[in-house]
Protein backbone atom coordinates (compact mmCIF):
# COMPACT_ATOMS: atom_id res chain seq x y z
CA MET A 1 40.45 17.12 -28.33
CA SER A 2 36.88 15.89 -28.57
CA GLY A 3 37.82 12.77 -26.59
CA ILE A 4 39.27 14.90 -23.81
CA PHE A 5 36.14 17.04 -23.81
CA ARG A 6 33.90 14.01 -23.48
CA PHE A 7 36.00 12.65 -20.63
CA SER A 8 36.00 15.90 -18.71
CA PHE A 9 32.26 16.34 -19.25
CA PHE A 10 31.35 12.93 -17.82
CA SER A 11 33.76 13.43 -14.94
CA THR A 12 32.07 16.53 -13.58
CA PRO A 13 30.54 16.34 -10.08
CA MET A 14 27.08 16.91 -11.57
CA ALA A 15 27.51 13.94 -13.95
CA ARG A 16 28.77 11.71 -11.16
CA THR A 17 25.79 12.71 -9.03
CA ARG A 18 23.39 11.87 -11.82
CA ASN A 19 25.03 8.49 -12.31
CA ALA A 20 24.88 7.77 -8.56
CA GLU A 21 21.21 8.68 -8.45
CA LYS A 22 20.53 6.50 -11.48
CA THR A 23 22.32 3.55 -9.89
CA ARG A 24 20.53 3.99 -6.58
CA ARG A 25 17.16 4.14 -8.33
CA ALA A 26 17.98 1.00 -10.36
CA ILE A 27 18.73 -0.85 -7.13
CA VAL A 28 15.49 0.34 -5.51
CA ASP A 29 13.40 -0.57 -8.58
CA ALA A 30 14.95 -4.05 -8.67
CA ALA A 31 14.35 -4.48 -4.94
CA ARG A 32 10.75 -3.34 -5.29
CA HIS A 33 10.09 -6.13 -7.79
CA GLU A 34 12.02 -8.68 -5.70
CA PHE A 35 10.13 -7.88 -2.48
CA SER A 36 6.70 -7.89 -4.08
CA HIS A 37 7.26 -11.25 -5.79
CA LYS A 38 9.24 -13.10 -3.11
CA GLY A 39 8.58 -11.31 0.18
CA PHE A 40 11.20 -9.81 2.46
CA ALA A 41 12.56 -13.07 3.90
CA SER A 42 13.04 -14.77 0.51
CA ALA A 43 14.38 -11.72 -1.32
CA ARG A 44 18.06 -12.09 -2.18
CA MET A 45 20.63 -9.36 -2.53
CA GLU A 46 22.21 -11.30 -5.40
CA SER A 47 18.94 -11.22 -7.32
CA ILE A 48 18.49 -7.51 -6.66
CA ALA A 49 22.06 -6.82 -7.86
CA ARG A 50 21.57 -8.90 -11.01
CA ALA A 51 18.29 -7.16 -11.89
CA ALA A 52 19.82 -3.74 -11.25
CA GLY A 53 22.89 -4.54 -13.33
CA VAL A 54 25.32 -3.90 -10.47
CA THR A 55 27.46 -5.97 -8.13
CA LYS A 56 26.24 -6.96 -4.67
CA GLU A 57 29.20 -5.08 -3.21
CA LEU A 58 28.04 -1.87 -4.90
CA ILE A 59 24.63 -2.21 -3.26
CA TYR A 60 26.31 -1.96 0.12
CA HIS A 61 27.90 1.29 -0.99
CA TYR A 62 24.41 2.79 -1.16
CA PHE A 63 22.53 0.80 1.52
CA ARG A 64 23.43 -0.74 4.87
CA GLY A 65 21.54 -3.92 4.07
CA LYS A 66 18.29 -5.50 2.89
CA GLU A 67 16.12 -3.81 5.53
CA ASP A 68 17.55 -0.42 4.61
CA ILE A 69 16.56 -1.01 0.97
CA PHE A 70 13.15 -2.23 2.07
CA ASN A 71 12.51 0.94 4.07
CA GLU A 72 13.24 3.04 0.99
CA VAL A 73 11.01 0.85 -1.16
CA ARG A 74 8.20 1.20 1.40
CA ALA A 75 8.60 4.97 1.46
CA LEU A 76 8.42 5.12 -2.32
CA GLN A 77 5.35 2.90 -2.43
CA HIS A 78 3.63 5.09 0.12
CA ALA A 79 4.54 8.21 -1.90
CA ASP A 80 3.27 6.59 -5.11
CA ALA A 81 -0.01 5.66 -3.49
CA LEU A 82 -0.43 9.16 -2.09
CA ALA A 83 0.33 10.70 -5.50
CA ALA A 84 -2.23 8.41 -7.11
CA SER A 85 -4.76 9.49 -4.51
CA LYS A 86 -4.10 13.20 -5.10
CA ALA A 87 -4.40 12.69 -8.84
CA ASP A 88 -7.89 11.28 -8.37
CA ASP A 89 -10.35 14.16 -7.97
CA THR A 90 -13.03 12.02 -6.27
CA MET A 91 -13.69 11.77 -2.57
CA LEU A 92 -12.74 8.12 -2.72
CA ALA A 93 -9.10 9.17 -2.91
CA ALA A 94 -9.34 12.15 -0.54
CA ALA A 95 -6.53 12.81 1.92
CA ASP A 96 -9.12 12.38 4.70
CA PRO A 97 -11.01 9.12 4.09
CA LEU A 98 -13.31 9.90 6.99
CA ALA A 99 -14.69 13.00 5.30
CA GLN A 100 -17.47 10.64 4.26
CA PRO A 101 -17.07 7.68 6.63
CA GLU A 102 -19.59 5.48 4.83
CA LEU A 103 -17.13 5.34 1.92
CA LEU A 104 -14.22 4.20 4.08
CA PHE A 105 -14.25 0.65 2.65
CA VAL A 106 -14.26 1.99 -0.92
CA TRP A 107 -11.47 4.46 -0.19
CA ARG A 108 -9.19 1.74 1.13
CA PHE A 109 -9.98 -0.50 -1.87
CA HIS A 110 -8.93 2.28 -4.22
CA ARG A 111 -5.74 2.76 -2.24
CA ALA A 112 -5.02 -0.98 -2.59
CA LEU A 113 -5.60 -0.79 -6.36
CA SER A 114 -3.09 2.05 -6.58
CA ASN A 115 -0.38 -0.10 -4.96
CA LEU A 116 -0.83 -3.74 -5.95
CA GLU A 117 2.87 -4.42 -5.37
CA TRP A 118 2.35 -3.67 -1.68
CA VAL A 119 -0.68 -5.98 -1.52
CA ARG A 120 1.45 -8.80 -3.01
CA PHE A 121 4.26 -8.07 -0.55
CA LEU A 122 1.89 -8.26 2.42
CA THR A 123 0.64 -11.62 1.17
CA TRP A 124 4.20 -12.96 0.97
CA GLU A 125 5.04 -11.52 4.37
CA ALA A 126 2.09 -13.26 5.99
CA ALA A 127 2.80 -16.57 4.23
CA GLN A 128 6.37 -16.55 5.58
CA GLY A 129 5.07 -16.37 9.16
CA GLU A 130 6.88 -13.16 10.03
CA GLU A 131 4.79 -12.41 13.13
CA THR A 132 7.65 -10.69 14.96
CA GLY A 133 10.53 -8.55 13.85
CA ILE A 134 9.08 -7.66 10.42
CA PRO A 135 10.86 -4.83 8.61
CA GLY A 136 9.60 -1.39 9.47
CA GLU A 137 7.21 -2.82 12.07
CA VAL A 138 7.39 0.11 14.46
CA GLU A 139 6.62 2.78 11.87
CA ARG A 140 4.03 0.61 10.13
CA GLY A 141 2.34 0.02 13.47
CA ARG A 142 2.26 3.75 14.15
CA THR A 143 0.56 4.32 10.80
CA ILE A 144 -2.13 1.78 11.62
CA GLN A 145 -2.61 3.23 15.10
CA ARG A 146 -3.06 6.70 13.56
CA SER A 147 -5.81 5.28 11.35
CA ILE A 148 -7.48 3.70 14.38
CA GLY A 149 -7.22 7.05 16.18
CA ALA A 150 -8.94 8.77 13.26
CA ILE A 151 -11.76 6.22 13.45
CA LYS A 152 -12.16 6.86 17.18
CA ALA A 153 -12.26 10.60 16.57
CA ALA A 154 -14.92 10.20 13.86
CA GLN A 155 -16.95 8.05 16.25
CA GLY A 156 -16.52 10.60 19.03
CA ASP A 157 -17.97 13.46 16.99
CA ARG A 158 -20.79 11.32 15.59
CA ARG A 159 -19.52 11.15 12.00
CA LEU A 160 -19.09 7.39 12.18
CA ALA A 161 -21.24 4.70 13.81
CA ASP A 162 -19.89 4.18 17.32
CA ASP A 163 -21.18 0.63 17.92
CA LEU A 164 -18.18 -0.92 16.15
CA ASP A 165 -14.85 -1.62 17.83
CA PRO A 166 -12.37 0.77 16.10
CA GLU A 167 -9.49 -1.72 16.10
CA LEU A 168 -11.61 -4.50 14.65
CA LEU A 169 -13.11 -2.07 12.16
CA GLN A 170 -9.62 -1.16 10.97
CA LEU A 171 -8.93 -4.85 10.40
CA ALA A 172 -12.19 -5.18 8.49
CA VAL A 173 -11.25 -2.23 6.30
CA PHE A 174 -7.94 -3.85 5.35
CA ALA A 175 -9.57 -7.24 4.79
CA LEU A 176 -12.34 -5.97 2.53
CA ALA A 177 -9.91 -3.93 0.46
CA ASN A 178 -7.06 -6.41 0.10
CA TYR A 179 -8.53 -9.92 0.20
CA PRO A 180 -10.07 -10.05 -3.31
CA LEU A 181 -6.81 -8.67 -4.76
CA ALA A 182 -4.41 -10.80 -2.74
CA TYR A 183 -6.31 -14.08 -3.21
CA ALA A 184 -7.19 -13.93 -6.87
CA GLN A 185 -7.95 -17.65 -6.99
CA ILE A 186 -10.65 -17.31 -4.29
CA THR A 187 -12.13 -14.30 -6.07
CA ARG A 188 -12.24 -16.28 -9.31
CA MET A 189 -13.87 -19.34 -7.67
CA ALA A 190 -16.44 -17.19 -5.88
CA THR A 191 -17.37 -14.85 -8.72
CA GLY A 192 -16.01 -16.41 -11.89
CA ARG A 193 -14.02 -13.23 -12.49
CA SER A 194 -10.46 -12.09 -11.97
CA PRO A 195 -9.76 -9.20 -9.61
CA SER A 196 -7.99 -7.54 -12.53
CA ASP A 197 -11.31 -7.42 -14.42
CA PRO A 198 -12.48 -3.78 -14.51
CA GLY A 199 -16.08 -4.99 -14.24
CA PHE A 200 -15.33 -6.88 -11.04
CA ARG A 201 -13.51 -3.90 -9.56
CA LYS A 202 -16.45 -1.63 -10.33
CA ASP A 203 -18.94 -4.08 -8.80
CA TRP A 204 -16.81 -4.66 -5.71
CA ALA A 205 -16.44 -0.91 -5.13
CA ALA A 206 -20.23 -0.53 -5.47
CA PHE A 207 -20.76 -3.40 -3.00
CA LEU A 208 -18.34 -1.82 -0.52
CA ALA A 209 -20.13 1.52 -0.81
CA LYS A 210 -23.45 -0.20 -0.04
CA LEU A 211 -21.89 -2.12 2.86
CA GLY A 212 -20.39 1.06 4.27
CA GLN A 213 -23.71 2.82 4.06
CA LYS A 214 -25.37 0.05 6.04
CA LEU A 215 -22.65 -0.41 8.66
CA LEU A 216 -20.85 2.89 9.05
CA ALA A 217 -23.23 5.74 8.30
CA VAL A 218 -24.82 7.57 11.22
CA PRO A 219 -28.57 8.10 10.66
CA ALA A 220 -29.77 11.65 10.18
CA ASP A 221 -31.32 11.66 13.66
CA GLY A 222 -27.92 10.82 15.17
CA SER A 223 -29.01 7.49 16.61
CA PRO A 224 -26.65 4.50 16.29
CA ALA A 225 -27.06 2.48 13.12
CA THR A 226 -28.40 -0.91 14.15
CA PRO A 227 -29.30 -3.86 11.90
CA ASN A 228 -32.96 -4.48 11.25
CA GLU A 229 -34.03 -7.60 13.19
CA SER A 230 -36.11 -8.74 10.23
CA ASP A 231 -33.09 -8.67 7.86
């Protein structure tokens, strides 16, 4: 009787739903690791299946293909980064990074720290020369364009120095945040420290804050911030 009870319990729709959700999450978690360590082009469905403890055929029951899995991984990474930002009660992780534009560099650095898997993935993606047809390119491009639009708006209402090209500034924001983390060997050779060193992270954030104050802040009199010729 007890055997029949156990069988009927695990055969309920609720139990099957829980098992399906568990399997799907295992696939996504395995894919997340695969993408961040090998990049999209080199990631293999066989490796994802093996790490998730399922067959490759079962993966196709849940996802149409590798790009479909990647899109879900990207959505989860974005959600994780946003959750980490909301959990941080400082302005550096505010929903609106342009609330204090001079801290824009620092804000992006903290976002990168909250999602190191994504930083590694971007490094792999660039190394593989995927200049066209990258997964999720349209939506990712829209996200970047929204950030550029926010910079333009901040420049328009005099919250952000307007003598910097907004598109190039967006590139600079990404570069300053990601480069020391993505290229650990360069960081080590330049500073003698690893980007995983809490002391380095603290010092880099302080440097970015100072840089942002010099480059991005609008003076109290509203005039454009211009470098001192004697500097």
